[in-house]
Amino acid sequence: MNGPQTYDDIRALKIEGELGKFIKAHMASARTEAAHRRGMVLRYPDLATKLTEPPLRFASPEHWNGFIPPATWNQAMNTAPCRPALLALVAEAERRLRQPKGTAATTEEAA
């Protein structure tokens, strides 16, 4: 099963005895994705340093496990300032990874 799960889907998995497998697979995937995001951001010292600045304020960059809070929580929009800050760091790390070697890393460096 992919995508959002309905209560009926979860109930069916439970009846079929597959709910535990589903949860384990979902958690393993989430851990892998978080580790990937963490590795990308920590690869760049300037991005890693931003993890210790407001609004994130991690004691050290290594304390971030790669988790990004969900967009919604309890059926309401997540307005925590850490979510867009983390999304921006990950997006910048991804942009840098895709950037061809030999080009300026930022517009400031190009000037």
PDB file of N, CA and C in Angstrom:
ATOM      1  N   MET A   1       0.839  -1.187   0.000  1.00  0.00           N
ATOM      2  CA  MET A   1       0.000   0.000   0.000  1.00  0.00           C
ATOM      3  C   MET A   1       0.871   1.232   0.000  1.00  0.00           C
ATOM      4  N   ASN A   2       0.545   2.182  -0.857  1.00  0.00           N
ATOM      5  CA  ASN A   2       1.258   3.445  -0.908  1.00  0.00           C
ATOM      6  C   ASN A   2       0.287   4.577  -0.622  1.00  0.00           C
ATOM      7  N   GLY A   3       0.817   5.712  -0.229  1.00  0.00           N
ATOM      8  CA  GLY A   3      -0.003   6.884  -0.002  1.00  0.00           C
ATOM      9  C   GLY A   3      -0.717   6.838   1.331  1.00  0.00           C
ATOM     10  N   PRO A   4      -1.578   7.829   1.555  1.00  0.00           N
ATOM     11  CA  PRO A   4      -2.302   7.904   2.823  1.00  0.00           C
ATOM     12  C   PRO A   4      -3.184   6.675   3.031  1.00  0.00           C
ATOM     13  N   GLN A   5      -3.235   6.247   4.255  1.00  0.00           N
ATOM     14  CA  GLN A   5      -4.025   5.070   4.583  1.00  0.00           C
ATOM     15  C   GLN A   5      -5.322   5.491   5.265  1.00  0.00           C
ATOM     16  N   THR A   6      -6.411   4.842   4.908  1.00  0.00           N
ATOM     17  CA  THR A   6      -7.686   5.100   5.568  1.00  0.00           C
ATOM     18  C   THR A   6      -7.802   4.167   6.768  1.00  0.00           C
ATOM     19  N   TYR A   7      -8.744   4.481   7.635  1.00  0.00           N
ATOM     20  CA  TYR A   7      -8.978   3.595   8.775  1.00  0.00           C
ATOM     21  C   TYR A   7      -9.366   2.199   8.304  1.00  0.00           C
ATOM     22  N   ASP A   8     -10.107   2.121   7.201  1.00  0.00           N
ATOM     23  CA  ASP A   8     -10.497   0.810   6.662  1.00  0.00           C
ATOM     24  C   ASP A   8      -9.280   0.025   6.181  1.00  0.00           C
ATOM     25  N   ASP A   9      -8.327   0.728   5.541  1.00  0.00           N
ATOM     26  CA  ASP A   9      -7.096   0.060   5.102  1.00  0.00           C
ATOM     27  C   ASP A   9      -6.330  -0.502   6.294  1.00  0.00           C
ATOM     28  N   ILE A  10      -6.202   0.303   7.330  1.00  0.00           N
ATOM     29  CA  ILE A  10      -5.476  -0.125   8.529  1.00  0.00           C
ATOM     30  C   ILE A  10      -6.202  -1.286   9.207  1.00  0.00           C
ATOM     31  N   ARG A  11      -7.506  -1.189   9.287  1.00  0.00           N
ATOM     32  CA  ARG A  11      -8.300  -2.267   9.882  1.00  0.00           C
ATOM     33  C   ARG A  11      -8.096  -3.566   9.100  1.00  0.00           C
ATOM     34  N   ALA A  12      -8.093  -3.481   7.767  1.00  0.00           N
ATOM     35  CA  ALA A  12      -7.895  -4.669   6.926  1.00  0.00           C
ATOM     36  C   ALA A  12      -6.510  -5.266   7.157  1.00  0.00           C
ATOM     37  N   LEU A  13      -5.491  -4.408   7.245  1.00  0.00           N
ATOM     38  CA  LEU A  13      -4.136  -4.907   7.522  1.00  0.00           C
ATOM     39  C   LEU A  13      -4.085  -5.622   8.865  1.00  0.00           C
ATOM     40  N   LYS A  14      -4.759  -5.065   9.841  1.00  0.00           N
ATOM     41  CA  LYS A  14      -4.768  -5.673  11.173  1.00  0.00           C
ATOM     42  C   LYS A  14      -5.452  -7.046  11.135  1.00  0.00           C
ATOM     43  N   ILE A  15      -6.585  -7.119  10.458  1.00  0.00           N
ATOM     44  CA  ILE A  15      -7.321  -8.389  10.352  1.00  0.00           C
ATOM     45  C   ILE A  15      -6.483  -9.435   9.626  1.00  0.00           C
ATOM     46  N   GLU A  16      -5.769  -9.003   8.590  1.00  0.00           N
ATOM     47  CA  GLU A  16      -4.940  -9.919   7.807  1.00  0.00           C
ATOM     48  C   GLU A  16      -3.621 -10.256   8.495  1.00  0.00           C
ATOM     49  N   GLY A  17      -3.361  -9.626   9.627  1.00  0.00           N
ATOM     50  CA  GLY A  17      -2.114  -9.871  10.334  1.00  0.00           C
ATOM     51  C   GLY A  17      -0.906  -9.210   9.685  1.00  0.00           C
ATOM     52  N   GLU A  18      -1.142  -8.199   8.855  1.00  0.00           N
ATOM     53  CA  GLU A  18      -0.071  -7.539   8.108  1.00  0.00           C
ATOM     54  C   GLU A  18       0.275  -6.151   8.644  1.00  0.00           C
ATOM     55  N   LEU A  19      -0.415  -5.710   9.683  1.00  0.00           N
ATOM     56  CA  LEU A  19      -0.199  -4.354  10.173  1.00  0.00           C
ATOM     57  C   LEU A  19       1.228  -4.163  10.697  1.00  0.00           C
ATOM     58  N   GLY A  20       1.740  -5.142  11.420  1.00  0.00           N
ATOM     59  CA  GLY A  20       3.101  -5.051  11.945  1.00  0.00           C
ATOM     60  C   GLY A  20       4.125  -4.906  10.827  1.00  0.00           C
ATOM     61  N   LYS A  21       3.976  -5.694   9.768  1.00  0.00           N
ATOM     62  CA  LYS A  21       4.894  -5.598   8.630  1.00  0.00           C
ATOM     63  C   LYS A  21       4.807  -4.225   7.974  1.00  0.00           C
ATOM     64  N   PHE A  22       3.573  -3.729   7.837  1.00  0.00           N
ATOM     65  CA  PHE A  22       3.370  -2.419   7.225  1.00  0.00           C
ATOM     66  C   PHE A  22       4.070  -1.336   8.045  1.00  0.00           C
ATOM     67  N   ILE A  23       3.884  -1.361   9.350  1.00  0.00           N
ATOM     68  CA  ILE A  23       4.495  -0.351  10.218  1.00  0.00           C
ATOM     69  C   ILE A  23       6.016  -0.445  10.163  1.00  0.00           C
ATOM     70  N   LYS A  24       6.555  -1.649  10.228  1.00  0.00           N
ATOM     71  CA  LYS A  24       8.019  -1.821  10.161  1.00  0.00           C
ATOM     72  C   LYS A  24       8.585  -1.309   8.843  1.00  0.00           C
ATOM     73  N   ALA A  25       7.904  -1.617   7.741  1.00  0.00           N
ATOM     74  CA  ALA A  25       8.378  -1.158   6.431  1.00  0.00           C
ATOM     75  C   ALA A  25       8.310   0.366   6.345  1.00  0.00           C
ATOM     76  N   HIS A  26       7.224   0.937   6.842  1.00  0.00           N
ATOM     77  CA  HIS A  26       7.068   2.387   6.822  1.00  0.00           C
ATOM     78  C   HIS A  26       8.147   3.065   7.672  1.00  0.00           C
ATOM     79  N   MET A  27       8.414   2.543   8.838  1.00  0.00           N
ATOM     80  CA  MET A  27       9.431   3.123   9.725  1.00  0.00           C
ATOM     81  C   MET A  27      10.826   2.967   9.133  1.00  0.00           C
ATOM     82  N   ALA A  28      11.109   1.845   8.523  1.00  0.00           N
ATOM     83  CA  ALA A  28      12.421   1.645   7.895  1.00  0.00           C
ATOM     84  C   ALA A  28      12.620   2.645   6.762  1.00  0.00           C
ATOM     85  N   SER A  29      11.590   2.853   5.974  1.00  0.00           N
ATOM     86  CA  SER A  29      11.658   3.824   4.885  1.00  0.00           C
ATOM     87  C   SER A  29      11.859   5.236   5.436  1.00  0.00           C
ATOM     88  N   ALA A  30      11.144   5.589   6.488  1.00  0.00           N
ATOM     89  CA  ALA A  30      11.272   6.915   7.090  1.00  0.00           C
ATOM     90  C   ALA A  30      12.675   7.126   7.650  1.00  0.00           C
ATOM     91  N   ARG A  31      13.247   6.109   8.283  1.00  0.00           N
ATOM     92  CA  ARG A  31      14.613   6.219   8.823  1.00  0.00           C
ATOM     93  C   ARG A  31      15.628   6.407   7.696  1.00  0.00           C
ATOM     94  N   THR A  32      15.452   5.665   6.607  1.00  0.00           N
ATOM     95  CA  THR A  32      16.361   5.782   5.462  1.00  0.00           C
ATOM     96  C   THR A  32      16.293   7.173   4.852  1.00  0.00           C
ATOM     97  N   GLU A  33      15.082   7.685   4.669  1.00  0.00           N
ATOM     98  CA  GLU A  33      14.912   9.018   4.092  1.00  0.00           C
ATOM     99  C   GLU A  33      15.504  10.091   5.012  1.00  0.00           C
ATOM    100  N   ALA A  34      15.291   9.961   6.317  1.00  0.00           N
ATOM    101  CA  ALA A  34      15.828  10.931   7.276  1.00  0.00           C
ATOM    102  C   ALA A  34      17.356  10.905   7.261  1.00  0.00           C
ATOM    103  N   ALA A  35      17.933   9.721   7.219  1.00  0.00           N
ATOM    104  CA  ALA A  35      19.396   9.603   7.187  1.00  0.00           C
ATOM    105  C   ALA A  35      19.958  10.236   5.922  1.00  0.00           C
ATOM    106  N   HIS A  36      19.255  10.077   4.820  1.00  0.00           N
ATOM    107  CA  HIS A  36      19.689  10.679   3.554  1.00  0.00           C
ATOM    108  C   HIS A  36      19.656  12.205   3.653  1.00  0.00           C
ATOM    109  N   ARG A  37      18.542  12.750   4.159  1.00  0.00           N
ATOM    110  CA  ARG A  37      18.435  14.206   4.324  1.00  0.00           C
ATOM    111  C   ARG A  37      19.533  14.732   5.249  1.00  0.00           C
ATOM    112  N   ARG A  38      19.751  14.041   6.353  1.00  0.00           N
ATOM    113  CA  ARG A  38      20.770  14.455   7.333  1.00  0.00           C
ATOM    114  C   ARG A  38      22.149  14.472   6.689  1.00  0.00           C
ATOM    115  N   GLY A  39      22.470  13.434   5.961  1.00  0.00           N
ATOM    116  CA  GLY A  39      23.766  13.349   5.309  1.00  0.00           C
ATOM    117  C   GLY A  39      23.975  14.456   4.291  1.00  0.00           C
ATOM    118  N   MET A  40      22.920  14.772   3.538  1.00  0.00           N
ATOM    119  CA  MET A  40      23.043  15.845   2.542  1.00  0.00           C
ATOM    120  C   MET A  40      23.330  17.187   3.206  1.00  0.00           C
ATOM    121  N   VAL A  41      22.590  17.508   4.268  1.00  0.00           N
ATOM    122  CA  VAL A  41      22.762  18.804   4.927  1.00  0.00           C
ATOM    123  C   VAL A  41      24.108  18.875   5.637  1.00  0.00           C
ATOM    124  N   LEU A  42      24.488  17.815   6.346  1.00  0.00           N
ATOM    125  CA  LEU A  42      25.752  17.842   7.091  1.00  0.00           C
ATOM    126  C   LEU A  42      26.970  17.862   6.176  1.00  0.00           C
ATOM    127  N   ARG A  43      26.781  17.525   4.922  1.00  0.00           N
ATOM    128  CA  ARG A  43      27.874  17.537   3.950  1.00  0.00           C
ATOM    129  C   ARG A  43      28.405  18.959   3.712  1.00  0.00           C
ATOM    130  N   TYR A  44      27.548  19.943   3.917  1.00  0.00           N
ATOM    131  CA  TYR A  44      27.899  21.341   3.668  1.00  0.00           C
ATOM    132  C   TYR A  44      27.991  22.087   5.009  1.00  0.00           C
ATOM    133  N   PRO A  45      29.205  22.480   5.423  1.00  0.00           N
ATOM    134  CA  PRO A  45      29.382  23.119   6.727  1.00  0.00           C
ATOM    135  C   PRO A  45      28.499  24.348   6.951  1.00  0.00           C
ATOM    136  N   ASP A  46      28.292  25.171   5.921  1.00  0.00           N
ATOM    137  CA  ASP A  46      27.455  26.357   6.114  1.00  0.00           C
ATOM    138  C   ASP A  46      26.000  25.989   6.373  1.00  0.00           C
ATOM    139  N   LEU A  47      25.512  24.931   5.720  1.00  0.00           N
ATOM    140  CA  LEU A  47      24.140  24.473   5.963  1.00  0.00           C
ATOM    141  C   LEU A  47      24.037  23.812   7.333  1.00  0.00           C
ATOM    142  N   ALA A  48      25.050  23.024   7.680  1.00  0.00           N
ATOM    143  CA  ALA A  48      25.051  22.365   8.979  1.00  0.00           C
ATOM    144  C   ALA A  48      25.011  23.395  10.105  1.00  0.00           C
ATOM    145  N   THR A  49      25.751  24.476   9.953  1.00  0.00           N
ATOM    146  CA  THR A  49      25.769  25.523  10.977  1.00  0.00           C
ATOM    147  C   THR A  49      24.388  26.134  11.165  1.00  0.00           C
ATOM    148  N   LYS A  50      23.617  26.241  10.097  1.00  0.00           N
ATOM    149  CA  LYS A  50      22.266  26.817  10.201  1.00  0.00           C
ATOM    150  C   LYS A  50      21.344  25.977  11.077  1.00  0.00           C
ATOM    151  N   LEU A  51      21.682  24.711  11.269  1.00  0.00           N
ATOM    152  CA  LEU A  51      20.880  23.872  12.170  1.00  0.00           C
ATOM    153  C   LEU A  51      20.973  24.350  13.619  1.00  0.00           C
ATOM    154  N   THR A  52      22.025  25.069  13.948  1.00  0.00           N
ATOM    155  CA  THR A  52      22.217  25.543  15.331  1.00  0.00           C
ATOM    156  C   THR A  52      21.659  26.948  15.539  1.00  0.00           C
ATOM    157  N   GLU A  53      21.187  27.571  14.484  1.00  0.00           N
ATOM    158  CA  GLU A  53      20.676  28.944  14.552  1.00  0.00           C
ATOM    159  C   GLU A  53      19.151  28.941  14.632  1.00  0.00           C
ATOM    160  N   PRO A  54      18.555  30.086  15.076  1.00  0.00           N
ATOM    161  CA  PRO A  54      17.092  30.175  15.095  1.00  0.00           C
ATOM    162  C   PRO A  54      16.532  29.985  13.683  1.00  0.00           C
ATOM    163  N   PRO A  55      15.413  29.357  13.512  1.00  0.00           N
ATOM    164  CA  PRO A  55      14.509  28.864  14.541  1.00  0.00           C
ATOM    165  C   PRO A  55      14.805  27.435  15.003  1.00  0.00           C
ATOM    166  N   LEU A  56      15.863  26.829  14.478  1.00  0.00           N
ATOM    167  CA  LEU A  56      16.114  25.409  14.767  1.00  0.00           C
ATOM    168  C   LEU A  56      16.795  25.202  16.117  1.00  0.00           C
ATOM    169  N   ARG A  57      17.918  25.857  16.317  1.00  0.00           N
ATOM    170  CA  ARG A  57      18.624  25.857  17.607  1.00  0.00           C
ATOM    171  C   ARG A  57      19.030  24.472  18.124  1.00  0.00           C
ATOM    172  N   PHE A  58      19.509  23.603  17.246  1.00  0.00           N
ATOM    173  CA  PHE A  58      20.063  22.339  17.718  1.00  0.00           C
ATOM    174  C   PHE A  58      21.367  22.652  18.448  1.00  0.00           C
ATOM    175  N   ALA A  59      21.683  21.880  19.480  1.00  0.00           N
ATOM    176  CA  ALA A  59      22.920  22.103  20.232  1.00  0.00           C
ATOM    177  C   ALA A  59      24.137  21.960  19.323  1.00  0.00           C
ATOM    178  N   SER A  60      24.072  21.037  18.395  1.00  0.00           N
ATOM    179  CA  SER A  60      25.102  20.883  17.371  1.00  0.00           C
ATOM    180  C   SER A  60      24.417  20.304  16.137  1.00  0.00           C
ATOM    181  N   PRO A  61      24.988  20.504  14.963  1.00  0.00           N
ATOM    182  CA  PRO A  61      24.359  19.982  13.745  1.00  0.00           C
ATOM    183  C   PRO A  61      24.110  18.472  13.803  1.00  0.00           C
ATOM    184  N   GLU A  62      25.005  17.765  14.455  1.00  0.00           N
ATOM    185  CA  GLU A  62      24.892  16.308  14.521  1.00  0.00           C
ATOM    186  C   GLU A  62      23.674  15.846  15.324  1.00  0.00           C
ATOM    187  N   HIS A  63      23.067  16.725  16.104  1.00  0.00           N
ATOM    188  CA  HIS A  63      21.892  16.339  16.890  1.00  0.00           C
ATOM    189  C   HIS A  63      20.636  16.197  16.039  1.00  0.00           C
ATOM    190  N   TRP A  64      20.637  16.787  14.827  1.00  0.00           N
ATOM    191  CA  TRP A  64      19.482  16.630  13.949  1.00  0.00           C
ATOM    192  C   TRP A  64      19.520  15.251  13.317  1.00  0.00           C
ATOM    193  N   ASN A  65      18.415  14.516  13.418  1.00  0.00           N
ATOM    194  CA  ASN A  65      18.379  13.152  12.886  1.00  0.00           C
ATOM    195  C   ASN A  65      17.829  13.076  11.458  1.00  0.00           C
ATOM    196  N   GLY A  66      17.511  14.217  10.865  1.00  0.00           N
ATOM    197  CA  GLY A  66      16.994  14.222   9.505  1.00  0.00           C
ATOM    198  C   GLY A  66      15.481  14.294   9.421  1.00  0.00           C
ATOM    199  N   PHE A  67      14.825  14.261  10.569  1.00  0.00           N
ATOM    200  CA  PHE A  67      13.356  14.312  10.602  1.00  0.00           C
ATOM    201  C   PHE A  67      12.866  15.706  10.238  1.00  0.00           C
ATOM    202  N   ILE A  68      11.830  15.756   9.421  1.00  0.00           N
ATOM    203  CA  ILE A  68      11.125  17.003   9.115  1.00  0.00           C
ATOM    204  C   ILE A  68       9.685  16.805   9.574  1.00  0.00           C
ATOM    205  N   PRO A  69       9.196  17.701  10.428  1.00  0.00           N
ATOM    206  CA  PRO A  69       7.816  17.553  10.916  1.00  0.00           C
ATOM    207  C   PRO A  69       6.816  17.523   9.765  1.00  0.00           C
ATOM    208  N   PRO A  70       5.690  16.851   9.976  1.00  0.00           N
ATOM    209  CA  PRO A  70       4.684  16.751   8.910  1.00  0.00           C
ATOM    210  C   PRO A  70       4.041  18.105   8.602  1.00  0.00           C
ATOM    211  N   ALA A  71       3.498  18.224   7.395  1.00  0.00           N
ATOM    212  CA  ALA A  71       2.844  19.468   6.971  1.00  0.00           C
ATOM    213  C   ALA A  71       1.568  19.721   7.760  1.00  0.00           C
ATOM    214  N   THR A  72       0.899  18.650   8.142  1.00  0.00           N
ATOM    215  CA  THR A  72      -0.317  18.789   8.954  1.00  0.00           C
ATOM    216  C   THR A  72      -0.172  17.947  10.207  1.00  0.00           C
ATOM    217  N   TRP A  73      -0.867  18.397  11.245  1.00  0.00           N
ATOM    218  CA  TRP A  73      -0.842  17.685  12.516  1.00  0.00           C
ATOM    219  C   TRP A  73      -2.228  17.795  13.115  1.00  0.00           C
ATOM    220  N   ASN A  74      -2.817  16.654  13.451  1.00  0.00           N
ATOM    221  CA  ASN A  74      -4.189  16.638  13.978  1.00  0.00           C
ATOM    222  C   ASN A  74      -5.136  17.404  13.064  1.00  0.00           C
ATOM    223  N   GLN A  75      -4.997  17.192  11.774  1.00  0.00           N
ATOM    224  CA  GLN A  75      -5.845  17.772  10.737  1.00  0.00           C
ATOM    225  C   GLN A  75      -5.759  19.293  10.675  1.00  0.00           C
ATOM    226  N   ALA A  76      -4.670  19.863  11.176  1.00  0.00           N
ATOM    227  CA  ALA A  76      -4.445  21.306  11.104  1.00  0.00           C
ATOM    228  C   ALA A  76      -3.081  21.550  10.470  1.00  0.00           C
ATOM    229  N   MET A  77      -2.925  22.684   9.825  1.00  0.00           N
ATOM    230  CA  MET A  77      -1.654  23.046   9.204  1.00  0.00           C
ATOM    231  C   MET A  77      -0.591  23.195  10.286  1.00  0.00           C
ATOM    232  N   ASN A  78       0.562  22.602  10.053  1.00  0.00           N
ATOM    233  CA  ASN A  78       1.688  22.725  10.975  1.00  0.00           C
ATOM    234  C   ASN A  78       2.347  24.069  10.718  1.00  0.00           C
ATOM    235  N   THR A  79       2.259  24.969  11.686  1.00  0.00           N
ATOM    236  CA  THR A  79       2.814  26.311  11.520  1.00  0.00           C
ATOM    237  C   THR A  79       4.135  26.490  12.261  1.00  0.00           C
ATOM    238  N   ALA A  80       4.716  25.411  12.743  1.00  0.00           N
ATOM    239  CA  ALA A  80       5.994  25.498  13.450  1.00  0.00           C
ATOM    240  C   ALA A  80       7.054  26.053  12.506  1.00  0.00           C
ATOM    241  N   PRO A  81       7.827  27.043  12.950  1.00  0.00           N
ATOM    242  CA  PRO A  81       8.835  27.644  12.067  1.00  0.00           C
ATOM    243  C   PRO A  81       9.974  26.696  11.699  1.00  0.00           C
ATOM    244  N   CYS A  82      10.135  25.609  12.430  1.00  0.00           N
ATOM    245  CA  CYS A  82      11.228  24.686  12.109  1.00  0.00           C
ATOM    246  C   CYS A  82      10.982  23.944  10.799  1.00  0.00           C
ATOM    247  N   ARG A  83       9.735  23.683  10.456  1.00  0.00           N
ATOM    248  CA  ARG A  83       9.449  22.915   9.227  1.00  0.00           C
ATOM    249  C   ARG A  83       9.952  23.635   7.977  1.00  0.00           C
ATOM    250  N   PRO A  84       9.553  24.893   7.719  1.00  0.00           N
ATOM    251  CA  PRO A  84      10.075  25.532   6.505  1.00  0.00           C
ATOM    252  C   PRO A  84      11.584  25.735   6.547  1.00  0.00           C
ATOM    253  N   ALA A  85      12.150  25.940   7.729  1.00  0.00           N
ATOM    254  CA  ALA A  85      13.604  26.108   7.822  1.00  0.00           C
ATOM    255  C   ALA A  85      14.319  24.820   7.420  1.00  0.00           C
ATOM    256  N   LEU A  86      13.820  23.684   7.894  1.00  0.00           N
ATOM    257  CA  LEU A  86      14.435  22.400   7.541  1.00  0.00           C
ATOM    258  C   LEU A  86      14.230  22.086   6.064  1.00  0.00           C
ATOM    259  N   LEU A  87      13.038  22.360   5.552  1.00  0.00           N
ATOM    260  CA  LEU A  87      12.774  22.121   4.126  1.00  0.00           C
ATOM    261  C   LEU A  87      13.714  22.957   3.256  1.00  0.00           C
ATOM    262  N   ALA A  88      13.968  24.191   3.660  1.00  0.00           N
ATOM    263  CA  ALA A  88      14.867  25.052   2.888  1.00  0.00           C
ATOM    264  C   ALA A  88      16.297  24.524   2.910  1.00  0.00           C
ATOM    265  N   LEU A  89      16.757  24.044   4.064  1.00  0.00           N
ATOM    266  CA  LEU A  89      18.116  23.490   4.148  1.00  0.00           C
ATOM    267  C   LEU A  89      18.261  22.260   3.260  1.00  0.00           C
ATOM    268  N   VAL A  90      17.288  21.395   3.306  1.00  0.00           N
ATOM    269  CA  VAL A  90      17.334  20.174   2.489  1.00  0.00           C
ATOM    270  C   VAL A  90      17.274  20.531   1.003  1.00  0.00           C
ATOM    271  N   ALA A  91      16.406  21.468   0.651  1.00  0.00           N
ATOM    272  CA  ALA A  91      16.305  21.874  -0.757  1.00  0.00           C
ATOM    273  C   ALA A  91      17.628  22.459  -1.250  1.00  0.00           C
ATOM    274  N   GLU A  92      18.282  23.260  -0.420  1.00  0.00           N
ATOM    275  CA  GLU A  92      19.568  23.840  -0.821  1.00  0.00           C
ATOM    276  C   GLU A  92      20.630  22.746  -0.958  1.00  0.00           C
ATOM    277  N   ALA A  93      20.643  21.796  -0.044  1.00  0.00           N
ATOM    278  CA  ALA A  93      21.604  20.695  -0.143  1.00  0.00           C
ATOM    279  C   ALA A  93      21.364  19.888  -1.418  1.00  0.00           C
ATOM    280  N   GLU A  94      20.095  19.621  -1.737  1.00  0.00           N
ATOM    281  CA  GLU A  94      19.776  18.894  -2.970  1.00  0.00           C
ATOM    282  C   GLU A  94      20.205  19.689  -4.195  1.00  0.00           C
ATOM    283  N   ARG A  95      19.968  20.997  -4.179  1.00  0.00           N
ATOM    284  CA  ARG A  95      20.367  21.842  -5.303  1.00  0.00           C
ATOM    285  C   ARG A  95      21.874  21.779  -5.511  1.00  0.00           C
ATOM    286  N   ARG A  96      22.616  21.855  -4.430  1.00  0.00           N
ATOM    287  CA  ARG A  96      24.076  21.807  -4.536  1.00  0.00           C
ATOM    288  C   ARG A  96      24.566  20.458  -5.054  1.00  0.00           C
ATOM    289  N   LEU A  97      23.913  19.401  -4.637  1.00  0.00           N
ATOM    290  CA  LEU A  97      24.317  18.070  -5.112  1.00  0.00           C
ATOM    291  C   LEU A  97      24.080  17.917  -6.608  1.00  0.00           C
ATOM    292  N   ARG A  98      23.037  18.542  -7.118  1.00  0.00           N
ATOM    293  CA  ARG A  98      22.711  18.443  -8.545  1.00  0.00           C
ATOM    294  C   ARG A  98      23.545  19.392  -9.398  1.00  0.00           C
ATOM    295  N   GLN A  99      24.165  20.368  -8.761  1.00  0.00           N
ATOM    296  CA  GLN A  99      24.925  21.392  -9.478  1.00  0.00           C
ATOM    297  C   GLN A  99      26.158  20.782 -10.131  1.00  0.00           C
ATOM    298  N   PRO A 100      26.391  21.101 -11.405  1.00  0.00           N
ATOM    299  CA  PRO A 100      27.584  20.575 -12.072  1.00  0.00           C
ATOM    300  C   PRO A 100      28.856  21.066 -11.387  1.00  0.00           C
ATOM    301  N   LYS A 101      29.844  20.202 -11.325  1.00  0.00           N
ATOM    302  CA  LYS A 101      31.124  20.577 -10.720  1.00  0.00           C
ATOM    303  C   LYS A 101      31.749  21.706 -11.533  1.00  0.00           C
ATOM    304  N   GLY A 102      32.435  22.589 -10.800  1.00  0.00           N
ATOM    305  CA  GLY A 102      33.112  23.686 -11.463  1.00  0.00           C
ATOM    306  C   GLY A 102      32.273  24.948 -11.586  1.00  0.00           C
ATOM    307  N   THR A 103      30.991  24.900 -11.181  1.00  0.00           N
ATOM    308  CA  THR A 103      30.175  26.114 -11.201  1.00  0.00           C
ATOM    309  C   THR A 103      30.094  26.671  -9.800  1.00  0.00           C
ATOM    310  N   ALA A 104      29.792  27.943  -9.671  1.00  0.00           N
ATOM    311  CA  ALA A 104      29.729  28.585  -8.359  1.00  0.00           C
ATOM    312  C   ALA A 104      28.616  27.955  -7.528  1.00  0.00           C
ATOM    313  N   ALA A 105      28.898  27.737  -6.243  1.00  0.00           N
ATOM    314  CA  ALA A 105      27.928  27.105  -5.353  1.00  0.00           C
ATOM    315  C   ALA A 105      26.769  28.033  -5.020  1.00  0.00           C
ATOM    316  N   THR A 106      27.008  29.326  -4.949  1.00  0.00           N
ATOM    317  CA  THR A 106      25.944  30.265  -4.647  1.00  0.00           C
ATOM    318  C   THR A 106      26.084  31.477  -5.538  1.00  0.00           C
ATOM    319  N   THR A 107      25.051  32.274  -5.587  1.00  0.00           N
ATOM    320  CA  THR A 107      25.105  33.471  -6.410  1.00  0.00           C
ATOM    321  C   THR A 107      26.127  34.463  -5.859  1.00  0.00           C
ATOM    322  N   GLU A 108      26.337  34.461  -4.526  1.00  0.00           N
ATOM    323  CA  GLU A 108      27.352  35.348  -3.945  1.00  0.00           C
ATOM    324  C   GLU A 108      28.747  34.982  -4.436  1.00  0.00           C
ATOM    325  N   GLU A 109      29.017  33.672  -4.537  1.00  0.00           N
ATOM    326  CA  GLU A 109      30.340  33.241  -4.981  1.00  0.00           C
ATOM    327  C   GLU A 109      30.565  33.574  -6.444  1.00  0.00           C
ATOM    328  N   ALA A 110      29.488  33.634  -7.219  1.00  0.00           N
ATOM    329  CA  ALA A 110      29.609  33.918  -8.646  1.00  0.00           C
ATOM    330  C   ALA A 110      29.939  35.388  -8.897  1.00  0.00           C
ATOM    331  N   ALA A 111      29.585  36.245  -7.955  1.00  0.00           N
ATOM    332  CA  ALA A 111      29.814  37.696  -8.130  1.00  0.00           C
ATOM    333  C   ALA A 111      31.259  38.069  -7.933  1.00  0.00           C
TER     334      ALA A 111
END
